N, C-alpha and C. Protein backbone atom coordinates (compact mmCIF):
# COMPACT_ATOMS: atom_id res chain seq x y z
N MET A 1 3.75 -40.09 -46.31
CA MET A 1 4.24 -40.45 -47.85
C MET A 1 4.08 -41.50 -47.63
N GLY A 2 4.19 -41.69 -49.47
CA GLY A 2 4.05 -42.96 -49.54
C GLY A 2 4.57 -43.12 -50.65
N ARG A 3 4.56 -44.83 -51.30
CA ARG A 3 4.28 -45.18 -52.79
C ARG A 3 4.05 -44.41 -54.29
N TYR A 4 3.95 -43.87 -55.12
CA TYR A 4 2.95 -44.06 -56.33
C TYR A 4 3.89 -43.95 -57.30
N PHE A 5 2.70 -44.81 -58.01
CA PHE A 5 3.31 -46.16 -58.83
C PHE A 5 3.35 -44.41 -60.59
N PHE A 6 3.54 -44.80 -61.60
CA PHE A 6 3.59 -43.35 -62.54
C PHE A 6 3.58 -44.91 -64.21
N ASN A 7 1.80 -44.63 -64.51
CA ASN A 7 1.78 -46.51 -65.04
C ASN A 7 1.87 -44.85 -65.78
N LEU A 8 2.14 -44.80 -67.69
CA LEU A 8 2.13 -44.51 -68.42
C LEU A 8 2.30 -44.59 -69.75
N HIS A 9 0.28 -44.64 -70.47
CA HIS A 9 -0.74 -44.69 -71.24
C HIS A 9 0.09 -43.67 -72.58
N TYR A 10 0.43 -44.70 -73.34
CA TYR A 10 1.19 -43.98 -74.86
C TYR A 10 0.34 -44.76 -76.45
N GLY A 11 0.73 -43.86 -77.25
CA GLY A 11 0.35 -44.43 -78.66
C GLY A 11 -1.23 -44.13 -78.34
N ALA A 12 -1.01 -43.41 -78.52
CA ALA A 12 -2.90 -42.63 -79.02
C ALA A 12 -3.95 -43.69 -79.89
N GLY A 13 -4.98 -43.82 -79.33
CA GLY A 13 -5.54 -45.00 -79.13
C GLY A 13 -5.01 -47.01 -79.50
N THR A 14 -4.27 -46.65 -78.88
CA THR A 14 -3.57 -47.80 -78.66
C THR A 14 -3.69 -48.87 -77.46
N GLY A 15 -4.49 -47.83 -76.69
CA GLY A 15 -3.57 -49.11 -75.59
C GLY A 15 -2.64 -49.42 -74.39
N ARG A 16 -1.48 -48.78 -75.34
CA ARG A 16 -0.30 -49.30 -74.88
C ARG A 16 -0.43 -48.62 -73.41
N ILE A 17 0.66 -49.28 -72.46
CA ILE A 17 1.06 -49.13 -71.14
C ILE A 17 2.41 -49.45 -71.34
N ALA A 18 3.69 -48.75 -70.11
CA ALA A 18 4.64 -49.27 -69.24
C ALA A 18 4.00 -48.68 -67.99
N ILE A 19 4.19 -50.15 -67.19
CA ILE A 19 4.18 -50.56 -65.96
C ILE A 19 5.18 -49.69 -65.81
N ASP A 20 4.75 -48.94 -64.46
CA ASP A 20 6.46 -48.27 -62.86
C ASP A 20 6.35 -49.43 -61.90
N LYS A 21 6.85 -50.51 -61.45
CA LYS A 21 6.86 -51.73 -61.42
C LYS A 21 7.87 -51.06 -59.99
N GLU A 22 8.74 -49.66 -59.66
CA GLU A 22 9.04 -49.23 -58.03
C GLU A 22 8.51 -47.88 -57.81
N GLY A 23 7.43 -47.47 -58.38
CA GLY A 23 7.00 -45.83 -58.14
C GLY A 23 8.59 -45.26 -57.06
N SER A 24 8.04 -44.52 -56.74
CA SER A 24 8.30 -43.59 -55.69
C SER A 24 8.11 -42.89 -54.38
N VAL A 25 8.37 -42.54 -52.85
CA VAL A 25 8.09 -42.43 -52.42
C VAL A 25 7.91 -40.82 -52.41
N LEU A 26 6.74 -40.45 -52.10
CA LEU A 26 5.82 -38.86 -52.03
C LEU A 26 5.15 -37.85 -51.23
N PRO A 27 4.84 -36.82 -50.73
CA PRO A 27 4.86 -36.57 -49.00
C PRO A 27 3.31 -36.94 -49.41
N ASP A 28 2.85 -36.77 -50.57
CA ASP A 28 1.32 -36.96 -51.46
C ASP A 28 0.45 -36.47 -52.62
N ALA A 29 -0.61 -36.92 -53.11
CA ALA A 29 -0.95 -36.68 -54.61
C ALA A 29 -0.51 -35.14 -55.40
N ALA A 30 -0.42 -34.31 -54.41
CA ALA A 30 -0.13 -33.50 -55.60
C ALA A 30 1.06 -32.58 -54.79
N ALA A 31 2.67 -33.71 -54.70
CA ALA A 31 3.43 -34.58 -55.11
C ALA A 31 4.23 -34.58 -55.58
N ALA A 32 2.86 -35.88 -56.57
CA ALA A 32 3.18 -36.70 -56.97
C ALA A 32 1.85 -36.37 -58.51
N ARG A 33 1.66 -35.37 -58.64
CA ARG A 33 0.49 -34.32 -59.20
C ARG A 33 2.51 -33.92 -59.70
N ALA A 34 2.41 -33.05 -59.34
CA ALA A 34 4.15 -32.18 -59.79
C ALA A 34 5.55 -33.86 -60.72
N TYR A 35 5.20 -34.38 -59.70
CA TYR A 35 6.79 -35.20 -59.97
C TYR A 35 5.72 -35.85 -61.71
N ALA A 36 5.32 -36.05 -62.73
CA ALA A 36 3.95 -36.86 -62.86
C ALA A 36 4.26 -35.27 -64.31
N LEU A 37 4.41 -34.10 -63.86
CA LEU A 37 3.98 -33.24 -64.86
C LEU A 37 5.67 -32.71 -65.48
N GLN A 38 7.04 -32.77 -64.31
CA GLN A 38 7.91 -32.41 -64.90
C GLN A 38 8.13 -34.01 -66.35
N ALA A 39 8.04 -35.41 -65.24
CA ALA A 39 8.67 -35.38 -65.98
C ALA A 39 7.81 -36.75 -67.30
N ALA A 40 6.56 -36.23 -67.74
CA ALA A 40 6.06 -34.72 -68.96
C ALA A 40 6.96 -34.71 -69.27
N ARG A 41 7.26 -33.68 -68.75
CA ARG A 41 8.07 -32.10 -69.36
C ARG A 41 9.14 -32.33 -69.71
N ASP A 42 10.27 -33.77 -68.88
CA ASP A 42 11.63 -34.60 -69.23
C ASP A 42 11.68 -34.48 -70.95
N LEU A 43 9.90 -35.77 -70.53
CA LEU A 43 10.08 -36.62 -72.10
C LEU A 43 9.99 -36.11 -72.91
N VAL A 44 8.73 -35.50 -73.05
CA VAL A 44 9.25 -34.25 -74.32
C VAL A 44 9.77 -33.16 -74.87
N ARG A 45 10.88 -32.76 -73.95
CA ARG A 45 11.35 -32.06 -74.08
C ARG A 45 13.55 -33.00 -75.02
N CYS A 46 12.69 -34.66 -74.49
CA CYS A 46 14.12 -34.90 -75.19
C CYS A 46 14.29 -35.41 -77.13
N GLY A 47 13.01 -35.45 -77.23
CA GLY A 47 12.18 -34.46 -77.96
C GLY A 47 12.31 -36.55 -79.08
N ARG A 48 11.72 -36.10 -80.15
CA ARG A 48 11.10 -37.93 -80.49
C ARG A 48 11.72 -39.15 -80.14
N SER A 49 11.06 -39.63 -80.18
CA SER A 49 11.83 -42.00 -79.67
C SER A 49 10.69 -42.06 -80.70
N ASP A 50 11.32 -43.47 -80.99
CA ASP A 50 11.04 -44.52 -82.62
C ASP A 50 9.37 -44.77 -81.50
N ALA A 51 9.56 -44.80 -80.50
CA ALA A 51 7.96 -45.73 -79.99
C ALA A 51 7.41 -44.84 -79.48
N GLU A 52 7.30 -43.42 -79.47
CA GLU A 52 6.17 -42.16 -79.89
C GLU A 52 6.49 -41.83 -80.04
N ARG A 53 5.59 -40.73 -80.66
CA ARG A 53 6.06 -39.30 -81.53
C ARG A 53 4.75 -38.86 -81.15
N ASP A 54 3.38 -39.34 -80.37
CA ASP A 54 3.22 -37.31 -79.87
C ASP A 54 3.30 -37.62 -78.27
N TRP A 55 3.71 -36.54 -77.89
CA TRP A 55 4.26 -37.40 -76.85
C TRP A 55 2.82 -37.24 -75.65
N PHE A 56 1.58 -35.66 -76.02
CA PHE A 56 0.44 -35.00 -75.86
C PHE A 56 -0.32 -36.19 -75.93
N ALA A 57 -0.62 -36.96 -77.36
CA ALA A 57 -0.78 -37.55 -76.93
C ALA A 57 -1.22 -38.50 -75.27
N CYS A 58 -0.13 -38.30 -74.69
CA CYS A 58 -0.25 -39.80 -73.77
C CYS A 58 -0.48 -38.91 -72.38
N ALA A 59 0.52 -39.91 -71.83
CA ALA A 59 -0.99 -39.56 -69.86
C ALA A 59 -0.40 -40.39 -68.68
N PHE A 60 0.19 -40.14 -68.06
CA PHE A 60 0.96 -40.81 -66.26
C PHE A 60 -0.65 -41.30 -65.57
N GLU A 61 -0.95 -41.96 -65.16
CA GLU A 61 -1.97 -42.82 -64.54
C GLU A 61 -1.10 -43.06 -63.16
N ILE A 62 -2.07 -42.16 -62.27
CA ILE A 62 -1.15 -42.53 -60.58
C ILE A 62 -1.83 -43.55 -59.82
N ALA A 63 -1.00 -43.80 -59.59
CA ALA A 63 -1.75 -45.57 -58.56
C ALA A 63 -1.32 -45.13 -57.55
N ASP A 64 -1.82 -45.64 -56.16
CA ASP A 64 -1.15 -45.57 -54.62
C ASP A 64 -0.58 -46.78 -54.83
N ALA A 65 0.34 -47.15 -53.50
CA ALA A 65 0.94 -48.79 -53.24
C ALA A 65 0.12 -49.46 -53.45
N ALA A 66 -1.67 -49.38 -52.91
CA ALA A 66 -2.02 -50.49 -53.37
C ALA A 66 -3.09 -50.62 -54.90
N GLY A 67 -2.46 -49.99 -55.57
CA GLY A 67 -3.04 -49.83 -56.96
C GLY A 67 -4.31 -49.18 -57.22
N GLU A 68 -4.81 -48.82 -56.53
CA GLU A 68 -5.88 -47.82 -56.19
C GLU A 68 -5.13 -46.38 -57.62
N PRO A 69 -6.24 -46.11 -58.17
CA PRO A 69 -5.93 -44.39 -58.86
C PRO A 69 -6.63 -43.34 -58.41
N VAL A 70 -5.03 -42.35 -58.17
CA VAL A 70 -5.24 -41.26 -58.17
C VAL A 70 -5.26 -40.67 -58.66
N LEU A 71 -4.71 -40.64 -59.65
CA LEU A 71 -5.41 -39.27 -60.97
C LEU A 71 -4.81 -39.29 -62.08
N THR A 72 -4.66 -38.93 -63.58
CA THR A 72 -4.28 -39.56 -64.68
C THR A 72 -3.78 -38.14 -64.94
N VAL A 73 -2.10 -37.78 -65.22
CA VAL A 73 -1.81 -37.04 -65.70
C VAL A 73 -1.90 -37.08 -67.42
N PRO A 74 -2.58 -36.00 -67.33
CA PRO A 74 -1.70 -35.84 -69.21
C PRO A 74 -0.96 -34.86 -70.05
N PHE A 75 -0.13 -35.55 -70.37
CA PHE A 75 1.08 -34.46 -71.06
C PHE A 75 0.78 -33.02 -71.37
N SER A 76 -1.35 -33.14 -72.13
CA SER A 76 -1.02 -32.10 -72.68
C SER A 76 -0.60 -30.64 -70.74
N GLU A 77 -1.10 -31.29 -70.46
CA GLU A 77 -1.08 -29.89 -68.52
C GLU A 77 0.14 -29.46 -68.84
N THR A 78 1.07 -30.13 -70.14
CA THR A 78 2.27 -29.26 -69.35
C THR A 78 2.87 -27.79 -70.42
N VAL A 79 1.96 -28.22 -70.69
CA VAL A 79 2.15 -26.74 -72.09
C VAL A 79 0.87 -26.44 -70.69
N PRO A 80 0.77 -25.23 -70.83
CA PRO A 80 0.75 -23.35 -69.73
C PRO A 80 -0.64 -22.94 -71.26
N ASP A 81 -2.03 -22.63 -70.50
CA ASP A 81 -2.69 -22.54 -71.09
C ASP A 81 -2.45 -21.00 -71.82
N ALA A 82 -2.64 -20.32 -72.11
CA ALA A 82 -2.11 -18.83 -72.76
C ALA A 82 -3.25 -17.88 -71.56
N ALA A 83 -4.18 -17.85 -71.25
CA ALA A 83 -4.47 -17.05 -70.23
C ALA A 83 -3.42 -16.87 -69.28
N ASP A 84 -2.96 -18.43 -68.65
CA ASP A 84 -1.50 -19.01 -68.00
C ASP A 84 -0.44 -17.47 -67.86
N ALA A 85 -0.37 -17.32 -69.34
CA ALA A 85 1.43 -16.91 -69.96
C ALA A 85 1.17 -15.73 -69.36
């Protein structure tokens, strides 16, 4: 188990980021990716926001407890490819 931080990059081309200061304890990077995809789906499903209009231009940058980047999960990955459907 490790702590993973889900920093949200938003605002296409603006470089804005919302830092996750608490993180979540998860078994591994695969679980962190699944967690990020679910969180992204929840944000997209909630609809438009005053802060963000194009959720598919957003991404979670996942960092480990040492602050090292583990992986990036673009919100566009929440939509399955036509081949996957």
